[in-house]
């Protein structure tokens, strides 16, 4: 059983910063990719940032230059560093991971429960 536990959401004023954390636990052989998605009210879930086990990252154009992603392999944790937050960043942020539980089985995709980020004036 794999669990993704997120933390770090909250309320912030425009221009402010937040860092989200997501830690994976359970039976894990390897993590191929971790990342963050978000879903605003009335909108589809979208990718924000992802990072692979080879440290290749992908950042959405809408947040590039403001958000960065990093990870701590030893802690099985991924971070989303969010700067210069805007009202349009308000959403529920979900952690996502592609994990191999045991070989020779293929990876499976897991989701966290979501954490709310609200940017308000």
N, C-alpha and C. Protein backbone atom coordinates (compact mmCIF):
# COMPACT_ATOMS: atom_id res chain seq x y z
N UNK A 1 0.85 -1.19 0.00
CA UNK A 1 0.00 0.00 0.00
C UNK A 1 0.88 1.24 0.00
N UNK A 2 0.65 2.10 -0.97
CA UNK A 2 1.41 3.34 -1.10
C UNK A 2 0.51 4.50 -0.71
N UNK A 3 1.07 5.42 0.03
CA UNK A 3 0.35 6.64 0.39
C UNK A 3 1.17 7.86 0.03
N UNK A 4 0.50 8.88 -0.43
CA UNK A 4 1.11 10.18 -0.67
C UNK A 4 0.46 11.17 0.29
N UNK A 5 1.27 11.80 1.10
CA UNK A 5 0.76 12.75 2.09
C UNK A 5 1.30 14.13 1.77
N UNK A 6 0.37 15.06 1.55
CA UNK A 6 0.74 16.43 1.18
C UNK A 6 0.63 17.36 2.39
N UNK A 7 1.39 18.43 2.33
CA UNK A 7 1.27 19.47 3.34
C UNK A 7 1.75 20.78 2.75
N UNK A 8 1.40 21.87 3.42
CA UNK A 8 1.94 23.17 3.03
C UNK A 8 0.96 24.11 2.37
N UNK A 9 -0.25 23.68 2.11
CA UNK A 9 -1.22 24.60 1.52
C UNK A 9 -1.68 25.63 2.52
N UNK A 10 -2.45 26.61 2.03
CA UNK A 10 -2.96 27.62 2.92
C UNK A 10 -3.40 28.86 2.19
N UNK A 11 -3.54 29.93 2.97
CA UNK A 11 -3.95 31.23 2.45
C UNK A 11 -2.73 32.12 2.30
N UNK A 12 -2.68 32.86 1.22
CA UNK A 12 -1.54 33.74 1.00
C UNK A 12 -2.02 34.93 0.16
N UNK A 13 -1.40 36.06 0.36
CA UNK A 13 -1.73 37.24 -0.43
C UNK A 13 -1.00 37.21 -1.76
N UNK A 14 -1.50 37.92 -2.75
CA UNK A 14 -0.80 37.99 -4.03
C UNK A 14 0.63 38.45 -3.85
N UNK A 15 1.51 37.80 -4.59
CA UNK A 15 2.93 38.11 -4.45
C UNK A 15 3.63 37.29 -3.39
N UNK A 16 2.86 36.56 -2.62
CA UNK A 16 3.43 35.75 -1.55
C UNK A 16 3.98 34.42 -2.04
N UNK A 17 4.49 33.65 -1.08
CA UNK A 17 5.13 32.37 -1.40
C UNK A 17 4.60 31.26 -0.50
N UNK A 18 4.60 30.07 -1.04
CA UNK A 18 4.27 28.87 -0.29
C UNK A 18 5.12 27.73 -0.84
N UNK A 19 5.40 26.77 0.02
CA UNK A 19 6.06 25.54 -0.43
C UNK A 19 5.19 24.35 -0.03
N UNK A 20 4.85 23.55 -1.02
CA UNK A 20 4.10 22.33 -0.79
C UNK A 20 5.07 21.15 -0.70
N UNK A 21 4.73 20.20 0.15
CA UNK A 21 5.53 18.98 0.29
C UNK A 21 4.64 17.77 0.10
N UNK A 22 5.21 16.72 -0.45
CA UNK A 22 4.49 15.47 -0.62
C UNK A 22 5.46 14.33 -0.37
N UNK A 23 5.11 13.49 0.58
CA UNK A 23 5.97 12.35 0.93
C UNK A 23 5.27 11.04 0.60
N UNK A 24 6.03 10.15 0.00
CA UNK A 24 5.50 8.84 -0.33
C UNK A 24 5.93 7.84 0.73
N UNK A 25 5.02 6.95 1.08
CA UNK A 25 5.34 5.93 2.06
C UNK A 25 4.67 4.62 1.67
N UNK A 26 5.14 3.53 2.28
CA UNK A 26 4.57 2.22 1.98
C UNK A 26 5.59 1.34 1.30
N UNK A 27 5.08 0.33 0.62
CA UNK A 27 5.95 -0.59 -0.10
C UNK A 27 6.36 0.04 -1.42
N UNK A 28 7.62 0.46 -1.50
CA UNK A 28 8.10 1.17 -2.68
C UNK A 28 9.44 0.60 -3.11
N UNK A 29 9.50 0.12 -4.34
CA UNK A 29 10.78 -0.32 -4.89
C UNK A 29 11.51 0.85 -5.52
N UNK A 30 10.76 1.67 -6.26
CA UNK A 30 11.36 2.82 -6.92
C UNK A 30 10.31 3.84 -7.34
N UNK A 31 10.71 5.08 -7.40
CA UNK A 31 9.82 6.16 -7.83
C UNK A 31 10.34 6.69 -9.16
N UNK A 32 9.55 6.57 -10.18
CA UNK A 32 9.99 7.01 -11.50
C UNK A 32 9.75 8.50 -11.74
N UNK A 33 8.68 8.99 -11.15
CA UNK A 33 8.35 10.39 -11.35
C UNK A 33 7.43 10.85 -10.23
N UNK A 34 7.60 12.10 -9.82
CA UNK A 34 6.68 12.73 -8.88
C UNK A 34 6.35 14.10 -9.42
N UNK A 35 5.21 14.61 -9.02
CA UNK A 35 4.84 15.92 -9.52
C UNK A 35 3.60 16.48 -8.86
N UNK A 36 3.21 17.62 -9.36
CA UNK A 36 2.07 18.35 -8.82
C UNK A 36 1.10 18.71 -9.93
N UNK A 37 -0.16 18.53 -9.63
CA UNK A 37 -1.25 18.94 -10.50
C UNK A 37 -2.16 19.85 -9.68
N UNK A 38 -2.99 20.59 -10.38
CA UNK A 38 -3.92 21.44 -9.65
C UNK A 38 -5.27 21.48 -10.37
N UNK A 39 -6.29 21.76 -9.58
CA UNK A 39 -7.63 21.85 -10.15
C UNK A 39 -8.36 23.01 -9.49
N UNK A 40 -8.69 23.99 -10.29
CA UNK A 40 -9.46 25.13 -9.82
C UNK A 40 -10.94 24.84 -10.01
N UNK A 41 -11.81 25.52 -9.27
CA UNK A 41 -13.26 25.28 -9.39
C UNK A 41 -13.73 25.45 -10.83
N UNK A 42 -14.45 24.47 -11.33
CA UNK A 42 -15.00 24.54 -12.67
C UNK A 42 -14.01 24.27 -13.79
N UNK A 43 -12.79 23.90 -13.42
CA UNK A 43 -11.76 23.65 -14.44
C UNK A 43 -11.24 22.23 -14.34
N UNK A 44 -10.59 21.80 -15.40
CA UNK A 44 -10.00 20.47 -15.40
C UNK A 44 -8.68 20.47 -14.64
N UNK A 45 -8.32 19.32 -14.14
CA UNK A 45 -7.03 19.19 -13.47
C UNK A 45 -5.92 19.38 -14.50
N UNK A 46 -4.90 20.12 -14.11
CA UNK A 46 -3.80 20.40 -15.02
C UNK A 46 -2.46 20.13 -14.35
N UNK A 47 -1.49 19.79 -15.15
CA UNK A 47 -0.15 19.56 -14.65
C UNK A 47 0.51 20.90 -14.32
N UNK A 48 1.16 20.96 -13.19
CA UNK A 48 1.89 22.15 -12.78
C UNK A 48 3.40 21.93 -12.94
N UNK A 49 3.89 20.86 -12.36
CA UNK A 49 5.33 20.58 -12.44
C UNK A 49 5.56 19.11 -12.13
N UNK A 50 6.50 18.51 -12.85
CA UNK A 50 6.87 17.13 -12.61
C UNK A 50 8.38 17.00 -12.62
N UNK A 51 8.88 15.96 -11.96
CA UNK A 51 10.31 15.70 -11.95
C UNK A 51 10.54 14.19 -11.96
N UNK A 52 11.46 13.75 -12.79
CA UNK A 52 11.70 12.32 -12.94
C UNK A 52 12.83 11.85 -12.02
N UNK A 53 13.02 10.55 -12.02
CA UNK A 53 14.09 9.99 -11.20
C UNK A 53 15.48 10.34 -11.73
N UNK A 54 15.54 10.89 -12.93
CA UNK A 54 16.81 11.36 -13.48
C UNK A 54 16.90 12.88 -13.39
N UNK A 55 16.02 13.47 -12.58
CA UNK A 55 16.04 14.92 -12.32
C UNK A 55 15.63 15.77 -13.51
N UNK A 56 14.91 15.16 -14.44
CA UNK A 56 14.38 15.96 -15.54
C UNK A 56 13.05 16.54 -15.10
N UNK A 57 12.92 17.84 -15.17
CA UNK A 57 11.71 18.49 -14.69
C UNK A 57 10.95 19.13 -15.85
N UNK A 58 9.66 19.28 -15.62
CA UNK A 58 8.79 19.92 -16.60
C UNK A 58 7.88 20.87 -15.84
N UNK A 59 7.90 22.13 -16.24
CA UNK A 59 7.12 23.15 -15.55
C UNK A 59 6.11 23.74 -16.52
N UNK A 60 4.88 23.88 -16.08
CA UNK A 60 3.84 24.45 -16.92
C UNK A 60 4.18 25.89 -17.27
N UNK A 61 3.83 26.29 -18.47
CA UNK A 61 4.14 27.65 -18.94
C UNK A 61 3.52 28.71 -18.04
N UNK A 62 2.35 28.40 -17.49
CA UNK A 62 1.64 29.40 -16.68
C UNK A 62 2.34 29.72 -15.37
N UNK A 63 3.24 28.85 -14.94
CA UNK A 63 3.94 29.08 -13.67
C UNK A 63 5.45 29.16 -13.83
N UNK A 64 5.93 29.00 -15.02
CA UNK A 64 7.38 29.02 -15.25
C UNK A 64 7.95 30.37 -14.83
N UNK A 65 9.05 30.30 -14.12
CA UNK A 65 9.66 31.52 -13.61
C UNK A 65 9.16 31.90 -12.23
N UNK A 66 8.07 31.29 -11.81
CA UNK A 66 7.53 31.55 -10.47
C UNK A 66 7.56 30.31 -9.58
N UNK A 67 7.35 29.16 -10.16
CA UNK A 67 7.32 27.90 -9.41
C UNK A 67 8.55 27.07 -9.78
N UNK A 68 9.06 26.35 -8.81
CA UNK A 68 10.10 25.36 -9.07
C UNK A 68 9.76 24.07 -8.33
N UNK A 69 10.30 22.97 -8.83
CA UNK A 69 10.07 21.68 -8.21
C UNK A 69 11.41 21.08 -7.82
N UNK A 70 11.42 20.41 -6.68
CA UNK A 70 12.63 19.73 -6.25
C UNK A 70 12.23 18.46 -5.50
N UNK A 71 13.20 17.61 -5.24
CA UNK A 71 12.89 16.38 -4.53
C UNK A 71 14.03 15.96 -3.64
N UNK A 72 13.69 15.16 -2.66
CA UNK A 72 14.67 14.55 -1.76
C UNK A 72 14.45 13.05 -1.87
N UNK A 73 15.33 12.39 -2.59
CA UNK A 73 15.14 10.96 -2.85
C UNK A 73 15.16 10.14 -1.56
N UNK A 74 16.02 10.49 -0.66
CA UNK A 74 16.13 9.73 0.59
C UNK A 74 14.84 9.80 1.39
N UNK A 75 14.17 10.93 1.30
CA UNK A 75 12.91 11.11 2.04
C UNK A 75 11.69 10.77 1.20
N UNK A 76 11.91 10.43 -0.06
CA UNK A 76 10.81 10.13 -0.98
C UNK A 76 9.81 11.30 -0.97
N UNK A 77 10.35 12.48 -1.06
CA UNK A 77 9.54 13.69 -0.94
C UNK A 77 9.79 14.62 -2.11
N UNK A 78 8.70 15.20 -2.59
CA UNK A 78 8.80 16.20 -3.65
C UNK A 78 8.24 17.51 -3.11
N UNK A 79 8.83 18.60 -3.57
CA UNK A 79 8.45 19.92 -3.11
C UNK A 79 8.04 20.79 -4.29
N UNK A 80 7.08 21.66 -4.05
CA UNK A 80 6.71 22.66 -5.03
C UNK A 80 6.89 24.02 -4.37
N UNK A 81 7.87 24.76 -4.86
CA UNK A 81 8.17 26.07 -4.32
C UNK A 81 7.44 27.09 -5.19
N UNK A 82 6.51 27.79 -4.57
CA UNK A 82 5.66 28.71 -5.31
C UNK A 82 5.94 30.14 -4.87
N UNK A 83 6.34 30.97 -5.81
CA UNK A 83 6.63 32.37 -5.54
C UNK A 83 5.74 33.25 -6.39
N UNK A 84 5.62 34.52 -5.97
CA UNK A 84 4.82 35.49 -6.73
C UNK A 84 3.44 34.93 -7.06
N UNK A 85 2.79 34.42 -6.05
CA UNK A 85 1.49 33.79 -6.26
C UNK A 85 0.46 34.80 -6.72
N UNK A 86 -0.43 34.32 -7.57
CA UNK A 86 -1.48 35.15 -8.14
C UNK A 86 -2.84 34.52 -7.85
N UNK A 87 -3.87 35.30 -8.01
CA UNK A 87 -5.21 34.79 -7.72
C UNK A 87 -5.53 33.58 -8.60
N UNK A 88 -5.00 33.57 -9.81
CA UNK A 88 -5.28 32.44 -10.72
C UNK A 88 -4.57 31.16 -10.30
N UNK A 89 -3.70 31.24 -9.32
CA UNK A 89 -3.06 30.03 -8.79
C UNK A 89 -3.93 29.34 -7.75
N UNK A 90 -5.02 29.98 -7.36
CA UNK A 90 -5.93 29.38 -6.39
C UNK A 90 -6.49 28.08 -6.94
N UNK A 91 -6.30 27.00 -6.19
CA UNK A 91 -6.73 25.67 -6.64
C UNK A 91 -6.44 24.66 -5.55
N UNK A 92 -6.96 23.46 -5.76
CA UNK A 92 -6.53 22.32 -4.96
C UNK A 92 -5.33 21.70 -5.67
N UNK A 93 -4.24 21.55 -4.96
CA UNK A 93 -3.02 21.01 -5.53
C UNK A 93 -2.88 19.54 -5.12
N UNK A 94 -2.67 18.70 -6.11
CA UNK A 94 -2.58 17.26 -5.89
C UNK A 94 -1.17 16.76 -6.20
N UNK A 95 -0.67 15.95 -5.31
CA UNK A 95 0.59 15.26 -5.56
C UNK A 95 0.32 14.02 -6.40
N UNK A 96 1.24 13.74 -7.31
CA UNK A 96 1.12 12.59 -8.20
C UNK A 96 2.46 11.87 -8.23
N UNK A 97 2.40 10.55 -8.27
CA UNK A 97 3.65 9.78 -8.33
C UNK A 97 3.47 8.53 -9.15
N UNK A 98 4.52 8.20 -9.89
CA UNK A 98 4.58 6.95 -10.65
C UNK A 98 5.58 6.05 -9.94
N UNK A 99 5.05 5.00 -9.33
CA UNK A 99 5.85 4.20 -8.40
C UNK A 99 5.84 2.73 -8.79
N UNK A 100 7.01 2.14 -8.70
CA UNK A 100 7.15 0.69 -8.84
C UNK A 100 7.15 0.11 -7.44
N UNK A 101 6.13 -0.69 -7.16
CA UNK A 101 6.02 -1.26 -5.81
C UNK A 101 7.00 -2.41 -5.64
N UNK A 102 7.07 -3.25 -6.65
CA UNK A 102 8.03 -4.36 -6.63
C UNK A 102 8.24 -4.83 -8.06
N UNK A 103 9.43 -5.33 -8.31
CA UNK A 103 9.71 -5.88 -9.64
C UNK A 103 9.24 -7.32 -9.68
N UNK A 104 8.82 -7.83 -10.85
CA UNK A 104 8.93 -7.19 -12.16
C UNK A 104 7.67 -6.42 -12.56
N UNK A 105 6.88 -6.01 -11.60
CA UNK A 105 5.62 -5.36 -11.95
C UNK A 105 5.85 -3.94 -12.44
N UNK A 106 4.99 -3.48 -13.35
CA UNK A 106 5.16 -2.12 -13.88
C UNK A 106 4.77 -1.07 -12.86
N UNK A 107 5.08 0.16 -13.15
CA UNK A 107 4.74 1.25 -12.25
C UNK A 107 3.23 1.45 -12.19
N UNK A 108 2.79 2.00 -11.08
CA UNK A 108 1.41 2.40 -10.91
C UNK A 108 1.37 3.88 -10.56
N UNK A 109 0.25 4.49 -10.83
CA UNK A 109 0.10 5.92 -10.57
C UNK A 109 -0.69 6.12 -9.28
N UNK A 110 -0.21 7.05 -8.48
CA UNK A 110 -0.85 7.34 -7.19
C UNK A 110 -1.11 8.83 -7.08
N UNK A 111 -2.13 9.15 -6.29
CA UNK A 111 -2.52 10.55 -6.06
C UNK A 111 -2.63 10.82 -4.56
N UNK A 112 -2.26 12.02 -4.20
CA UNK A 112 -2.51 12.47 -2.84
C UNK A 112 -3.94 12.96 -2.69
N UNK A 113 -4.28 13.36 -1.48
CA UNK A 113 -5.65 13.76 -1.19
C UNK A 113 -5.93 15.20 -1.62
N UNK A 114 -4.89 15.96 -1.88
CA UNK A 114 -5.05 17.35 -2.30
C UNK A 114 -4.89 18.31 -1.14
N UNK A 115 -4.34 19.46 -1.44
CA UNK A 115 -4.19 20.52 -0.45
C UNK A 115 -4.61 21.84 -1.10
N UNK A 116 -5.37 22.62 -0.36
CA UNK A 116 -5.92 23.86 -0.91
C UNK A 116 -4.92 25.00 -0.83
N UNK A 117 -4.77 25.70 -1.92
CA UNK A 117 -3.98 26.93 -1.96
C UNK A 117 -4.93 28.04 -2.40
N UNK A 118 -5.03 29.06 -1.57
CA UNK A 118 -5.92 30.18 -1.87
C UNK A 118 -5.12 31.47 -1.83
N UNK A 119 -5.14 32.18 -2.94
CA UNK A 119 -4.46 33.47 -3.05
C UNK A 119 -5.54 34.54 -3.03
N UNK A 120 -5.51 35.39 -2.02
CA UNK A 120 -6.60 36.34 -1.83
C UNK A 120 -6.05 37.74 -1.57
N UNK A 121 -6.86 38.71 -1.88
CA UNK A 121 -6.50 40.11 -1.59
C UNK A 121 -7.21 40.58 -0.34
